[in-house]
Amino acid sequence: MVSRENKVVGGFVVVALVLTYGGFWLTDLPSEILLGTLIFAGVIAPMVVNNYLDTRESV
């Protein structure tokens, strides 16, 4: 059974990959910005969302 945390992380990873590959193909943004987008959307955002959902459940 897949946990809520894994669903959140998986969803954000898919979004991060789509944003990054779309950015490479459709825009002229520098690779540093696209790498930052990948890290933010694939690593930082899911941690923030999971921490928020954990604190909301504990209250």
PDB file of N, CA and C in Angstrom:
ATOM      1  N   MET A   1       0.840  -1.174   0.000  1.00  0.00           N
ATOM      2  CA  MET A   1       0.000   0.000   0.000  1.00  0.00           C
ATOM      3  C   MET A   1       0.891   1.246   0.000  1.00  0.00           C
ATOM      4  N   VAL A   2       0.535   2.203  -0.823  1.00  0.00           N
ATOM      5  CA  VAL A   2       1.330   3.417  -0.964  1.00  0.00           C
ATOM      6  C   VAL A   2       0.870   4.435   0.076  1.00  0.00           C
ATOM      7  N   SER A   3       1.841   5.014   0.793  1.00  0.00           N
ATOM      8  CA  SER A   3       1.491   5.982   1.831  1.00  0.00           C
ATOM      9  C   SER A   3       1.224   7.353   1.225  1.00  0.00           C
ATOM     10  N   ARG A   4       0.615   8.214   2.024  1.00  0.00           N
ATOM     11  CA  ARG A   4       0.327   9.569   1.582  1.00  0.00           C
ATOM     12  C   ARG A   4       1.596  10.310   1.228  1.00  0.00           C
ATOM     13  N   GLU A   5       2.643  10.131   2.015  1.00  0.00           N
ATOM     14  CA  GLU A   5       3.906  10.809   1.751  1.00  0.00           C
ATOM     15  C   GLU A   5       4.486  10.413   0.399  1.00  0.00           C
ATOM     16  N   ASN A   6       4.420   9.135   0.076  1.00  0.00           N
ATOM     17  CA  ASN A   6       4.935   8.668  -1.215  1.00  0.00           C
ATOM     18  C   ASN A   6       4.113   9.201  -2.380  1.00  0.00           C
ATOM     19  N   LYS A   7       2.800   9.308  -2.207  1.00  0.00           N
ATOM     20  CA  LYS A   7       1.956   9.877  -3.256  1.00  0.00           C
ATOM     21  C   LYS A   7       2.305  11.340  -3.500  1.00  0.00           C
ATOM     22  N   VAL A   8       2.505  12.091  -2.416  1.00  0.00           N
ATOM     23  CA  VAL A   8       2.849  13.510  -2.540  1.00  0.00           C
ATOM     24  C   VAL A   8       4.199  13.661  -3.235  1.00  0.00           C
ATOM     25  N   VAL A   9       5.183  12.913  -2.798  1.00  0.00           N
ATOM     26  CA  VAL A   9       6.515  13.001  -3.402  1.00  0.00           C
ATOM     27  C   VAL A   9       6.471  12.585  -4.866  1.00  0.00           C
ATOM     28  N   GLY A  10       5.796  11.502  -5.171  1.00  0.00           N
ATOM     29  CA  GLY A  10       5.690  11.039  -6.555  1.00  0.00           C
ATOM     30  C   GLY A  10       5.023  12.061  -7.453  1.00  0.00           C
ATOM     31  N   GLY A  11       3.968  12.674  -6.967  1.00  0.00           N
ATOM     32  CA  GLY A  11       3.287  13.698  -7.746  1.00  0.00           C
ATOM     33  C   GLY A  11       4.172  14.900  -8.021  1.00  0.00           C
ATOM     34  N   PHE A  12       4.884  15.349  -6.993  1.00  0.00           N
ATOM     35  CA  PHE A  12       5.773  16.489  -7.175  1.00  0.00           C
ATOM     36  C   PHE A  12       6.956  16.154  -8.081  1.00  0.00           C
ATOM     37  N   VAL A  13       7.443  14.944  -8.034  1.00  0.00           N
ATOM     38  CA  VAL A  13       8.545  14.550  -8.914  1.00  0.00           C
ATOM     39  C   VAL A  13       8.092  14.571 -10.367  1.00  0.00           C
ATOM     40  N   VAL A  14       6.905  14.080 -10.628  1.00  0.00           N
ATOM     41  CA  VAL A  14       6.378  14.110 -11.993  1.00  0.00           C
ATOM     42  C   VAL A  14       6.229  15.553 -12.467  1.00  0.00           C
ATOM     43  N   VAL A  15       5.671  16.412 -11.620  1.00  0.00           N
ATOM     44  CA  VAL A  15       5.514  17.825 -11.977  1.00  0.00           C
ATOM     45  C   VAL A  15       6.878  18.467 -12.206  1.00  0.00           C
ATOM     46  N   ALA A  16       7.842  18.170 -11.357  1.00  0.00           N
ATOM     47  CA  ALA A  16       9.180  18.749 -11.499  1.00  0.00           C
ATOM     48  C   ALA A  16       9.829  18.332 -12.816  1.00  0.00           C
ATOM     49  N   LEU A  17       9.698  17.065 -13.174  1.00  0.00           N
ATOM     50  CA  LEU A  17      10.284  16.604 -14.432  1.00  0.00           C
ATOM     51  C   LEU A  17       9.610  17.245 -15.640  1.00  0.00           C
ATOM     52  N   VAL A  18       8.294  17.366 -15.596  1.00  0.00           N
ATOM     53  CA  VAL A  18       7.574  17.999 -16.697  1.00  0.00           C
ATOM     54  C   VAL A  18       7.978  19.464 -16.827  1.00  0.00           C
ATOM     55  N   LEU A  19       8.061  20.177 -15.701  1.00  0.00           N
ATOM     56  CA  LEU A  19       8.470  21.580 -15.743  1.00  0.00           C
ATOM     57  C   LEU A  19       9.889  21.741 -16.276  1.00  0.00           C
ATOM     58  N   THR A  20      10.789  20.876 -15.844  1.00  0.00           N
ATOM     59  CA  THR A  20      12.182  20.998 -16.264  1.00  0.00           C
ATOM     60  C   THR A  20      12.352  20.662 -17.743  1.00  0.00           C
ATOM     61  N   TYR A  21      11.808  19.530 -18.179  1.00  0.00           N
ATOM     62  CA  TYR A  21      11.938  19.165 -19.590  1.00  0.00           C
ATOM     63  C   TYR A  21      11.190  20.150 -20.481  1.00  0.00           C
ATOM     64  N   GLY A  22      10.021  20.589 -20.032  1.00  0.00           N
ATOM     65  CA  GLY A  22       9.302  21.602 -20.792  1.00  0.00           C
ATOM     66  C   GLY A  22      10.079  22.895 -20.868  1.00  0.00           C
ATOM     67  N   GLY A  23      10.745  23.247 -19.788  1.00  0.00           N
ATOM     68  CA  GLY A  23      11.566  24.451 -19.792  1.00  0.00           C
ATOM     69  C   GLY A  23      12.740  24.349 -20.740  1.00  0.00           C
ATOM     70  N   PHE A  24      13.350  23.184 -20.815  1.00  0.00           N
ATOM     71  CA  PHE A  24      14.460  23.001 -21.755  1.00  0.00           C
ATOM     72  C   PHE A  24      13.993  23.108 -23.198  1.00  0.00           C
ATOM     73  N   TRP A  25      12.840  22.536 -23.504  1.00  0.00           N
ATOM     74  CA  TRP A  25      12.378  22.490 -24.889  1.00  0.00           C
ATOM     75  C   TRP A  25      11.635  23.750 -25.319  1.00  0.00           C
ATOM     76  N   LEU A  26      10.902  24.388 -24.409  1.00  0.00           N
ATOM     77  CA  LEU A  26      10.003  25.461 -24.812  1.00  0.00           C
ATOM     78  C   LEU A  26      10.488  26.865 -24.480  1.00  0.00           C
ATOM     79  N   THR A  27      11.497  26.994 -23.630  1.00  0.00           N
ATOM     80  CA  THR A  27      11.954  28.324 -23.238  1.00  0.00           C
ATOM     81  C   THR A  27      13.452  28.443 -23.458  1.00  0.00           C
ATOM     82  N   ASP A  28      13.930  29.655 -23.310  1.00  0.00           N
ATOM     83  CA  ASP A  28      15.367  29.922 -23.396  1.00  0.00           C
ATOM     84  C   ASP A  28      15.950  30.245 -22.026  1.00  0.00           C
ATOM     85  N   LEU A  29      15.352  29.695 -20.986  1.00  0.00           N
ATOM     86  CA  LEU A  29      15.844  29.942 -19.636  1.00  0.00           C
ATOM     87  C   LEU A  29      17.203  29.282 -19.449  1.00  0.00           C
ATOM     88  N   PRO A  30      18.054  29.895 -18.622  1.00  0.00           N
ATOM     89  CA  PRO A  30      19.351  29.270 -18.332  1.00  0.00           C
ATOM     90  C   PRO A  30      19.168  27.948 -17.585  1.00  0.00           C
ATOM     91  N   SER A  31      20.126  27.077 -17.755  1.00  0.00           N
ATOM     92  CA  SER A  31      20.036  25.761 -17.122  1.00  0.00           C
ATOM     93  C   SER A  31      20.060  25.853 -15.600  1.00  0.00           C
ATOM     94  N   GLU A  32      20.677  26.893 -15.040  1.00  0.00           N
ATOM     95  CA  GLU A  32      20.700  27.055 -13.586  1.00  0.00           C
ATOM     96  C   GLU A  32      19.293  27.270 -13.031  1.00  0.00           C
ATOM     97  N   ILE A  33      18.496  28.050 -13.734  1.00  0.00           N
ATOM     98  CA  ILE A  33      17.118  28.296 -13.287  1.00  0.00           C
ATOM     99  C   ILE A  33      16.296  27.023 -13.395  1.00  0.00           C
ATOM    100  N   LEU A  34      16.487  26.288 -14.452  1.00  0.00           N
ATOM    101  CA  LEU A  34      15.748  25.034 -14.622  1.00  0.00           C
ATOM    102  C   LEU A  34      16.179  23.989 -13.598  1.00  0.00           C
ATOM    103  N   LEU A  35      17.455  23.976 -13.255  1.00  0.00           N
ATOM    104  CA  LEU A  35      17.919  23.069 -12.209  1.00  0.00           C
ATOM    105  C   LEU A  35      17.321  23.465 -10.859  1.00  0.00           C
ATOM    106  N   GLY A  36      17.247  24.755 -10.613  1.00  0.00           N
ATOM    107  CA  GLY A  36      16.605  25.237  -9.385  1.00  0.00           C
ATOM    108  C   GLY A  36      15.136  24.855  -9.339  1.00  0.00           C
ATOM    109  N   THR A  37      14.478  24.931 -10.474  1.00  0.00           N
ATOM    110  CA  THR A  37      13.072  24.515 -10.555  1.00  0.00           C
ATOM    111  C   THR A  37      12.931  23.032 -10.250  1.00  0.00           C
ATOM    112  N   LEU A  38      13.822  22.232 -10.795  1.00  0.00           N
ATOM    113  CA  LEU A  38      13.791  20.792 -10.547  1.00  0.00           C
ATOM    114  C   LEU A  38      13.991  20.484  -9.063  1.00  0.00           C
ATOM    115  N   ILE A  39      14.968  21.132  -8.445  1.00  0.00           N
ATOM    116  CA  ILE A  39      15.243  20.882  -7.026  1.00  0.00           C
ATOM    117  C   ILE A  39      14.099  21.374  -6.156  1.00  0.00           C
ATOM    118  N   PHE A  40      13.591  22.577  -6.455  1.00  0.00           N
ATOM    119  CA  PHE A  40      12.506  23.116  -5.641  1.00  0.00           C
ATOM    120  C   PHE A  40      11.250  22.255  -5.758  1.00  0.00           C
ATOM    121  N   ALA A  41      10.827  21.971  -6.982  1.00  0.00           N
ATOM    122  CA  ALA A  41       9.573  21.246  -7.182  1.00  0.00           C
ATOM    123  C   ALA A  41       9.691  19.760  -6.846  1.00  0.00           C
ATOM    124  N   GLY A  42      10.896  19.187  -6.932  1.00  0.00           N
ATOM    125  CA  GLY A  42      11.044  17.759  -6.686  1.00  0.00           C
ATOM    126  C   GLY A  42      11.495  17.393  -5.292  1.00  0.00           C
ATOM    127  N   VAL A  43      12.100  18.365  -4.565  1.00  0.00           N
ATOM    128  CA  VAL A  43      12.648  18.046  -3.247  1.00  0.00           C
ATOM    129  C   VAL A  43      12.039  18.929  -2.157  1.00  0.00           C
ATOM    130  N   ILE A  44      12.129  20.226  -2.332  1.00  0.00           N
ATOM    131  CA  ILE A  44      11.737  21.141  -1.259  1.00  0.00           C
ATOM    132  C   ILE A  44      10.215  21.209  -1.097  1.00  0.00           C
ATOM    133  N   ALA A  45       9.488  21.374  -2.193  1.00  0.00           N
ATOM    134  CA  ALA A  45       8.036  21.501  -2.118  1.00  0.00           C
ATOM    135  C   ALA A  45       7.360  20.274  -1.492  1.00  0.00           C
ATOM    136  N   PRO A  46       7.737  19.038  -1.858  1.00  0.00           N
ATOM    137  CA  PRO A  46       7.083  17.901  -1.200  1.00  0.00           C
ATOM    138  C   PRO A  46       7.382  17.821   0.296  1.00  0.00           C
ATOM    139  N   MET A  47       8.589  18.227   0.703  1.00  0.00           N
ATOM    140  CA  MET A  47       8.902  18.225   2.136  1.00  0.00           C
ATOM    141  C   MET A  47       8.018  19.223   2.872  1.00  0.00           C
ATOM    142  N   VAL A  48       7.827  20.401   2.292  1.00  0.00           N
ATOM    143  CA  VAL A  48       6.994  21.425   2.926  1.00  0.00           C
ATOM    144  C   VAL A  48       5.547  20.945   3.017  1.00  0.00           C
ATOM    145  N   VAL A  49       5.032  20.377   1.940  1.00  0.00           N
ATOM    146  CA  VAL A  49       3.644  19.906   1.929  1.00  0.00           C
ATOM    147  C   VAL A  49       3.461  18.760   2.921  1.00  0.00           C
ATOM    148  N   ASN A  50       4.375  17.812   2.955  1.00  0.00           N
ATOM    149  CA  ASN A  50       4.257  16.696   3.900  1.00  0.00           C
ATOM    150  C   ASN A  50       4.364  17.170   5.340  1.00  0.00           C
ATOM    151  N   ASN A  51       5.255  18.115   5.619  1.00  0.00           N
ATOM    152  CA  ASN A  51       5.343  18.650   6.980  1.00  0.00           C
ATOM    153  C   ASN A  51       4.059  19.361   7.368  1.00  0.00           C
ATOM    154  N   TYR A  52       3.486  20.116   6.446  1.00  0.00           N
ATOM    155  CA  TYR A  52       2.213  20.798   6.730  1.00  0.00           C
ATOM    156  C   TYR A  52       1.111  19.783   7.008  1.00  0.00           C
ATOM    157  N   LEU A  53       1.010  18.758   6.176  1.00  0.00           N
ATOM    158  CA  LEU A  53      -0.037  17.755   6.374  1.00  0.00           C
ATOM    159  C   LEU A  53       0.170  16.970   7.661  1.00  0.00           C
ATOM    160  N   ASP A  54       1.424  16.712   8.037  1.00  0.00           N
ATOM    161  CA  ASP A  54       1.690  16.015   9.303  1.00  0.00           C
ATOM    162  C   ASP A  54       1.268  16.853  10.494  1.00  0.00           C
ATOM    163  N   THR A  55       1.578  18.142  10.479  1.00  0.00           N
ATOM    164  CA  THR A  55       1.210  19.002  11.613  1.00  0.00           C
ATOM    165  C   THR A  55      -0.308  19.197  11.659  1.00  0.00           C
ATOM    166  N   ARG A  56      -0.968  19.231  10.524  1.00  0.00           N
ATOM    167  CA  ARG A  56      -2.414  19.394  10.499  1.00  0.00           C
ATOM    168  C   ARG A  56      -3.108  18.163  11.073  1.00  0.00           C
ATOM    169  N   GLU A  57      -2.547  16.975  10.817  1.00  0.00           N
ATOM    170  CA  GLU A  57      -3.134  15.742  11.344  1.00  0.00           C
ATOM    171  C   GLU A  57      -2.922  15.597  12.842  1.00  0.00           C
ATOM    172  N   SER A  58      -1.846  16.134  13.355  1.00  0.00           N
ATOM    173  CA  SER A  58      -1.537  15.960  14.774  1.00  0.00           C
ATOM    174  C   SER A  58      -2.340  16.909  15.663  1.00  0.00           C
ATOM    175  N   VAL A  59      -2.954  17.911  15.092  1.00  0.00           N
ATOM    176  CA  VAL A  59      -3.720  18.877  15.894  1.00  0.00           C
ATOM    177  C   VAL A  59      -5.097  18.390  16.161  1.00  0.00           C
TER     178      VAL A  59
END
